[in-house]
């Protein structure tokens, strides 16, 4: 019983918080503690029932002794009324024995009653503390569930952030490609903006040849009367 109370006291003390902080899985750990406590509570119940049974037995023996004392008193009175002093003396002697026994039974009952009261108090406290631990277990499980959800959300957020960075990189690549295309188009426009000296020369050369041919054609028509 002392070991049970010590273990339960350790669990109910502030040390449970430090143990839970070091635990990899607080939810699993507190479930194990609750199983141990429920097992200990079963032992406390059995012990409490045994002590209460002892109290009941001691009370019954005390009551029976008290009743026998009263009975011997009545028999002594009846014997005296019947004029039988010797019988009355025997009843009174038995009463004296029972009275001495009654004192011992009273002490035994008082001790049993005190033990039973302590055990009931202990039992009731363990039940209350177990209820508190179960409520704490539910709160821890709820917090663990929220933490796991938050962890998943954090991972999703990291993935989304990574995707955003990738999109930004693609945007920069597209911007660079557009800039390269614009520069190429501009260069093409610059290259097509004017004729070279050779091109200009050929242009005027071709114009001179065409003028000479036209003059010769006109002279020929005049000669032929056309």
Foldseek 3Di string as FASTA:
>chain_A
DVVLVVLVVCCLDPVVVVVLVPDPDSLVVLVVVLVSLVVSLVVLVVVLVVLVVQLVVLVVVLVVLVVLLVVLVVQLVVCVVVVNNVSSVVSVVVSVVSVVVNVVSVVSNVVSVVVSVVSVVVSVVSVVVSVVSVVVSVVVVVVVVVVVVVVVVVVVVVVVVVVVVVVVVVVVVVVVVVVVVVVVVVVVCVVPVDDDPVVVVVVVVVVVVVVVVVVVVVVVCVVVVD
